Amino acid sequence: MTIYSVQVAKRGMITLPAKVRRDNQIQEGQMMTLIDLEGVLILVPKALQTDSLANRLAKAWQEQDVDLETMLKTLREVRSEYTS
């Protein structure tokens, strides 16, 4: 895993480092997917099958009697362990 710093410019624009663009074959004008997990941002350089994944997660959580709010609460708790 490599970590890069990027700066937010006018109108929320960010520039992806050239190495990231090359390694991931990201072209100018390409659409990307941004996922906001309540403060954890994930930028994906291709279309996701989010509906399929969401349905699989929902089914698994129902089988385990876990709801989305419980999962998000757990995520926040685990994240706070790393930032404390």
N, C-alpha and C. Protein backbone atom coordinates (compact mmCIF):
# COMPACT_ATOMS: atom_id res chain seq x y z
N MET A 1 0.86 -1.17 0.00
CA MET A 1 0.00 0.00 0.00
C MET A 1 0.90 1.23 0.00
N THR A 2 0.57 2.18 -0.84
CA THR A 2 1.28 3.45 -0.91
C THR A 2 0.32 4.56 -0.55
N ILE A 3 0.80 5.52 0.22
CA ILE A 3 -0.03 6.65 0.63
C ILE A 3 0.49 7.91 -0.06
N TYR A 4 -0.42 8.67 -0.66
CA TYR A 4 -0.07 9.92 -1.34
C TYR A 4 -0.81 11.06 -0.67
N SER A 5 -0.20 12.23 -0.66
CA SER A 5 -0.88 13.44 -0.23
C SER A 5 -1.35 14.16 -1.47
N VAL A 6 -2.59 14.62 -1.46
CA VAL A 6 -3.13 15.42 -2.56
C VAL A 6 -3.75 16.67 -1.97
N GLN A 7 -3.75 17.73 -2.75
CA GLN A 7 -4.29 19.01 -2.30
C GLN A 7 -5.60 19.28 -3.03
N VAL A 8 -6.57 19.77 -2.29
CA VAL A 8 -7.85 20.13 -2.89
C VAL A 8 -7.74 21.56 -3.41
N ALA A 9 -8.02 21.75 -4.70
CA ALA A 9 -7.94 23.06 -5.34
C ALA A 9 -9.34 23.65 -5.47
N LYS A 10 -9.46 24.69 -6.26
CA LYS A 10 -10.76 25.33 -6.47
C LYS A 10 -11.79 24.32 -6.92
N ARG A 11 -13.00 24.55 -6.45
CA ARG A 11 -14.15 23.73 -6.81
C ARG A 11 -13.96 22.24 -6.48
N GLY A 12 -13.09 21.94 -5.50
CA GLY A 12 -12.92 20.57 -5.04
C GLY A 12 -12.05 19.71 -5.93
N MET A 13 -11.34 20.29 -6.86
CA MET A 13 -10.50 19.52 -7.78
C MET A 13 -9.28 18.97 -7.06
N ILE A 14 -8.94 17.71 -7.35
CA ILE A 14 -7.69 17.12 -6.87
C ILE A 14 -6.95 16.56 -8.08
N THR A 15 -5.64 16.50 -7.96
CA THR A 15 -4.82 15.92 -9.01
C THR A 15 -4.26 14.61 -8.50
N LEU A 16 -4.50 13.55 -9.25
CA LEU A 16 -3.92 12.26 -8.88
C LEU A 16 -2.47 12.23 -9.34
N PRO A 17 -1.56 11.73 -8.53
CA PRO A 17 -0.16 11.66 -8.94
C PRO A 17 -0.01 10.86 -10.24
N ALA A 18 0.96 11.27 -11.06
CA ALA A 18 1.17 10.63 -12.37
C ALA A 18 1.37 9.12 -12.23
N LYS A 19 2.09 8.67 -11.23
CA LYS A 19 2.33 7.23 -11.04
C LYS A 19 1.01 6.49 -10.82
N VAL A 20 0.13 7.08 -10.03
CA VAL A 20 -1.18 6.46 -9.77
C VAL A 20 -1.97 6.36 -11.07
N ARG A 21 -1.96 7.45 -11.84
CA ARG A 21 -2.70 7.43 -13.11
C ARG A 21 -2.12 6.38 -14.05
N ARG A 22 -0.80 6.33 -14.15
CA ARG A 22 -0.17 5.32 -15.03
C ARG A 22 -0.45 3.91 -14.56
N ASP A 23 -0.20 3.64 -13.28
CA ASP A 23 -0.36 2.28 -12.74
C ASP A 23 -1.79 1.76 -12.85
N ASN A 24 -2.76 2.68 -12.79
CA ASN A 24 -4.17 2.28 -12.83
C ASN A 24 -4.84 2.59 -14.16
N GLN A 25 -4.04 3.02 -15.13
CA GLN A 25 -4.52 3.31 -16.48
C GLN A 25 -5.71 4.28 -16.46
N ILE A 26 -5.56 5.34 -15.68
CA ILE A 26 -6.60 6.36 -15.56
C ILE A 26 -6.34 7.42 -16.62
N GLN A 27 -7.34 7.68 -17.45
CA GLN A 27 -7.23 8.63 -18.54
C GLN A 27 -8.02 9.90 -18.23
N GLU A 28 -7.61 11.01 -18.83
CA GLU A 28 -8.32 12.27 -18.68
C GLU A 28 -9.77 12.09 -19.11
N GLY A 29 -10.69 12.60 -18.30
CA GLY A 29 -12.12 12.52 -18.61
C GLY A 29 -12.78 11.23 -18.16
N GLN A 30 -12.01 10.27 -17.69
CA GLN A 30 -12.55 8.99 -17.25
C GLN A 30 -13.43 9.18 -16.02
N MET A 31 -14.57 8.53 -16.00
CA MET A 31 -15.44 8.56 -14.82
C MET A 31 -14.88 7.61 -13.77
N MET A 32 -15.00 8.03 -12.52
CA MET A 32 -14.55 7.22 -11.41
C MET A 32 -15.67 7.14 -10.38
N THR A 33 -15.54 6.23 -9.46
CA THR A 33 -16.53 6.07 -8.40
C THR A 33 -15.90 6.52 -7.08
N LEU A 34 -16.59 7.41 -6.36
CA LEU A 34 -16.15 7.86 -5.05
C LEU A 34 -17.14 7.34 -4.02
N ILE A 35 -16.62 6.61 -3.05
CA ILE A 35 -17.46 6.04 -2.00
C ILE A 35 -17.09 6.74 -0.70
N ASP A 36 -18.09 7.28 -0.01
CA ASP A 36 -17.89 7.95 1.28
C ASP A 36 -18.45 7.05 2.36
N LEU A 37 -17.57 6.45 3.15
CA LEU A 37 -17.98 5.60 4.26
C LEU A 37 -17.88 6.40 5.55
N GLU A 38 -18.65 7.48 5.61
CA GLU A 38 -18.68 8.37 6.77
C GLU A 38 -17.28 8.82 7.17
N GLY A 39 -16.58 9.43 6.23
CA GLY A 39 -15.27 9.98 6.51
C GLY A 39 -14.11 9.20 5.93
N VAL A 40 -14.35 7.97 5.52
CA VAL A 40 -13.33 7.18 4.83
C VAL A 40 -13.70 7.23 3.36
N LEU A 41 -12.85 7.89 2.55
CA LEU A 41 -13.15 8.07 1.15
C LEU A 41 -12.38 7.05 0.32
N ILE A 42 -13.08 6.42 -0.60
CA ILE A 42 -12.48 5.43 -1.49
C ILE A 42 -12.76 5.89 -2.91
N LEU A 43 -11.71 6.04 -3.70
CA LEU A 43 -11.83 6.44 -5.09
C LEU A 43 -11.45 5.26 -5.96
N VAL A 44 -12.38 4.83 -6.80
CA VAL A 44 -12.19 3.63 -7.60
C VAL A 44 -12.20 4.01 -9.08
N PRO A 45 -11.15 3.59 -9.83
CA PRO A 45 -11.04 4.00 -11.22
C PRO A 45 -11.84 3.16 -12.21
N LYS A 46 -12.89 2.56 -11.78
CA LYS A 46 -13.74 1.80 -12.71
C LYS A 46 -15.14 1.66 -12.12
N ALA A 47 -16.05 1.27 -12.94
CA ALA A 47 -17.43 1.08 -12.48
C ALA A 47 -17.48 -0.07 -11.48
N LEU A 48 -18.26 0.11 -10.46
CA LEU A 48 -18.42 -0.94 -9.44
C LEU A 48 -19.74 -1.66 -9.62
N GLN A 49 -19.78 -2.84 -9.13
CA GLN A 49 -21.04 -3.57 -9.10
C GLN A 49 -21.63 -3.41 -7.70
N THR A 50 -21.87 -2.15 -7.34
CA THR A 50 -22.28 -1.85 -5.97
C THR A 50 -23.65 -2.43 -5.62
N ASP A 51 -24.56 -2.45 -6.57
CA ASP A 51 -25.87 -3.02 -6.25
C ASP A 51 -25.76 -4.49 -5.87
N SER A 52 -24.98 -5.23 -6.63
CA SER A 52 -24.80 -6.65 -6.34
C SER A 52 -24.12 -6.84 -4.98
N LEU A 53 -23.09 -6.07 -4.73
CA LEU A 53 -22.38 -6.16 -3.46
C LEU A 53 -23.29 -5.76 -2.30
N ALA A 54 -24.05 -4.68 -2.48
CA ALA A 54 -24.96 -4.23 -1.42
C ALA A 54 -26.00 -5.30 -1.11
N ASN A 55 -26.53 -5.95 -2.12
CA ASN A 55 -27.51 -7.01 -1.90
C ASN A 55 -26.89 -8.19 -1.16
N ARG A 56 -25.66 -8.55 -1.51
CA ARG A 56 -25.00 -9.66 -0.82
C ARG A 56 -24.73 -9.31 0.64
N LEU A 57 -24.29 -8.07 0.89
CA LEU A 57 -24.06 -7.65 2.27
C LEU A 57 -25.35 -7.63 3.07
N ALA A 58 -26.41 -7.09 2.47
CA ALA A 58 -27.70 -7.02 3.17
C ALA A 58 -28.18 -8.41 3.53
N LYS A 59 -28.06 -9.35 2.61
CA LYS A 59 -28.50 -10.73 2.88
C LYS A 59 -27.68 -11.35 4.01
N ALA A 60 -26.35 -11.15 3.96
CA ALA A 60 -25.49 -11.71 5.01
C ALA A 60 -25.81 -11.10 6.37
N TRP A 61 -26.05 -9.78 6.39
CA TRP A 61 -26.37 -9.11 7.66
C TRP A 61 -27.71 -9.58 8.20
N GLN A 62 -28.70 -9.77 7.31
CA GLN A 62 -30.01 -10.25 7.76
C GLN A 62 -29.88 -11.64 8.36
N GLU A 63 -29.08 -12.49 7.73
CA GLU A 63 -28.88 -13.84 8.24
C GLU A 63 -28.22 -13.83 9.61
N GLN A 64 -27.41 -12.80 9.87
CA GLN A 64 -26.71 -12.68 11.16
C GLN A 64 -27.44 -11.75 12.12
N ASP A 65 -28.61 -11.26 11.70
CA ASP A 65 -29.42 -10.33 12.50
C ASP A 65 -28.63 -9.07 12.87
N VAL A 66 -27.91 -8.52 11.86
CA VAL A 66 -27.13 -7.29 12.03
C VAL A 66 -27.67 -6.27 11.04
N ASP A 67 -27.84 -5.01 11.50
CA ASP A 67 -28.31 -3.98 10.59
C ASP A 67 -27.18 -3.03 10.21
N LEU A 68 -27.43 -2.17 9.25
CA LEU A 68 -26.42 -1.26 8.74
C LEU A 68 -25.90 -0.33 9.84
N GLU A 69 -26.79 0.18 10.67
CA GLU A 69 -26.36 1.09 11.74
C GLU A 69 -25.37 0.41 12.67
N THR A 70 -25.59 -0.86 12.98
CA THR A 70 -24.65 -1.61 13.83
C THR A 70 -23.30 -1.74 13.16
N MET A 71 -23.31 -2.03 11.85
CA MET A 71 -22.06 -2.17 11.12
C MET A 71 -21.30 -0.84 11.09
N LEU A 72 -21.99 0.27 10.85
CA LEU A 72 -21.33 1.58 10.82
C LEU A 72 -20.79 1.96 12.19
N LYS A 73 -21.53 1.63 13.25
CA LYS A 73 -21.06 1.90 14.60
C LYS A 73 -19.77 1.14 14.87
N THR A 74 -19.73 -0.13 14.48
CA THR A 74 -18.53 -0.94 14.66
C THR A 74 -17.37 -0.37 13.87
N LEU A 75 -17.62 0.07 12.63
CA LEU A 75 -16.58 0.67 11.81
C LEU A 75 -16.01 1.91 12.49
N ARG A 76 -16.88 2.77 13.04
CA ARG A 76 -16.41 3.97 13.73
C ARG A 76 -15.57 3.62 14.96
N GLU A 77 -15.99 2.59 15.69
CA GLU A 77 -15.25 2.19 16.89
C GLU A 77 -13.87 1.67 16.53
N VAL A 78 -13.80 0.83 15.50
CA VAL A 78 -12.51 0.28 15.08
C VAL A 78 -11.61 1.40 14.54
N ARG A 79 -12.20 2.31 13.76
CA ARG A 79 -11.43 3.42 13.21
C ARG A 79 -10.86 4.28 14.33
N SER A 80 -11.64 4.51 15.40
CA SER A 80 -11.17 5.35 16.51
C SER A 80 -9.99 4.69 17.24
N GLU A 81 -9.92 3.38 17.23
CA GLU A 81 -8.78 2.69 17.83
C GLU A 81 -7.48 3.03 17.12
N TYR A 82 -7.56 3.27 15.81
CA TYR A 82 -6.37 3.58 15.03
C TYR A 82 -6.00 5.05 15.08
N THR A 83 -6.95 5.91 15.43
CA THR A 83 -6.67 7.34 15.45
C THR A 83 -6.40 7.85 16.86
N SER A 84 -6.59 7.02 17.85
CA SER A 84 -6.38 7.46 19.24
C SER A 84 -4.91 7.36 19.63
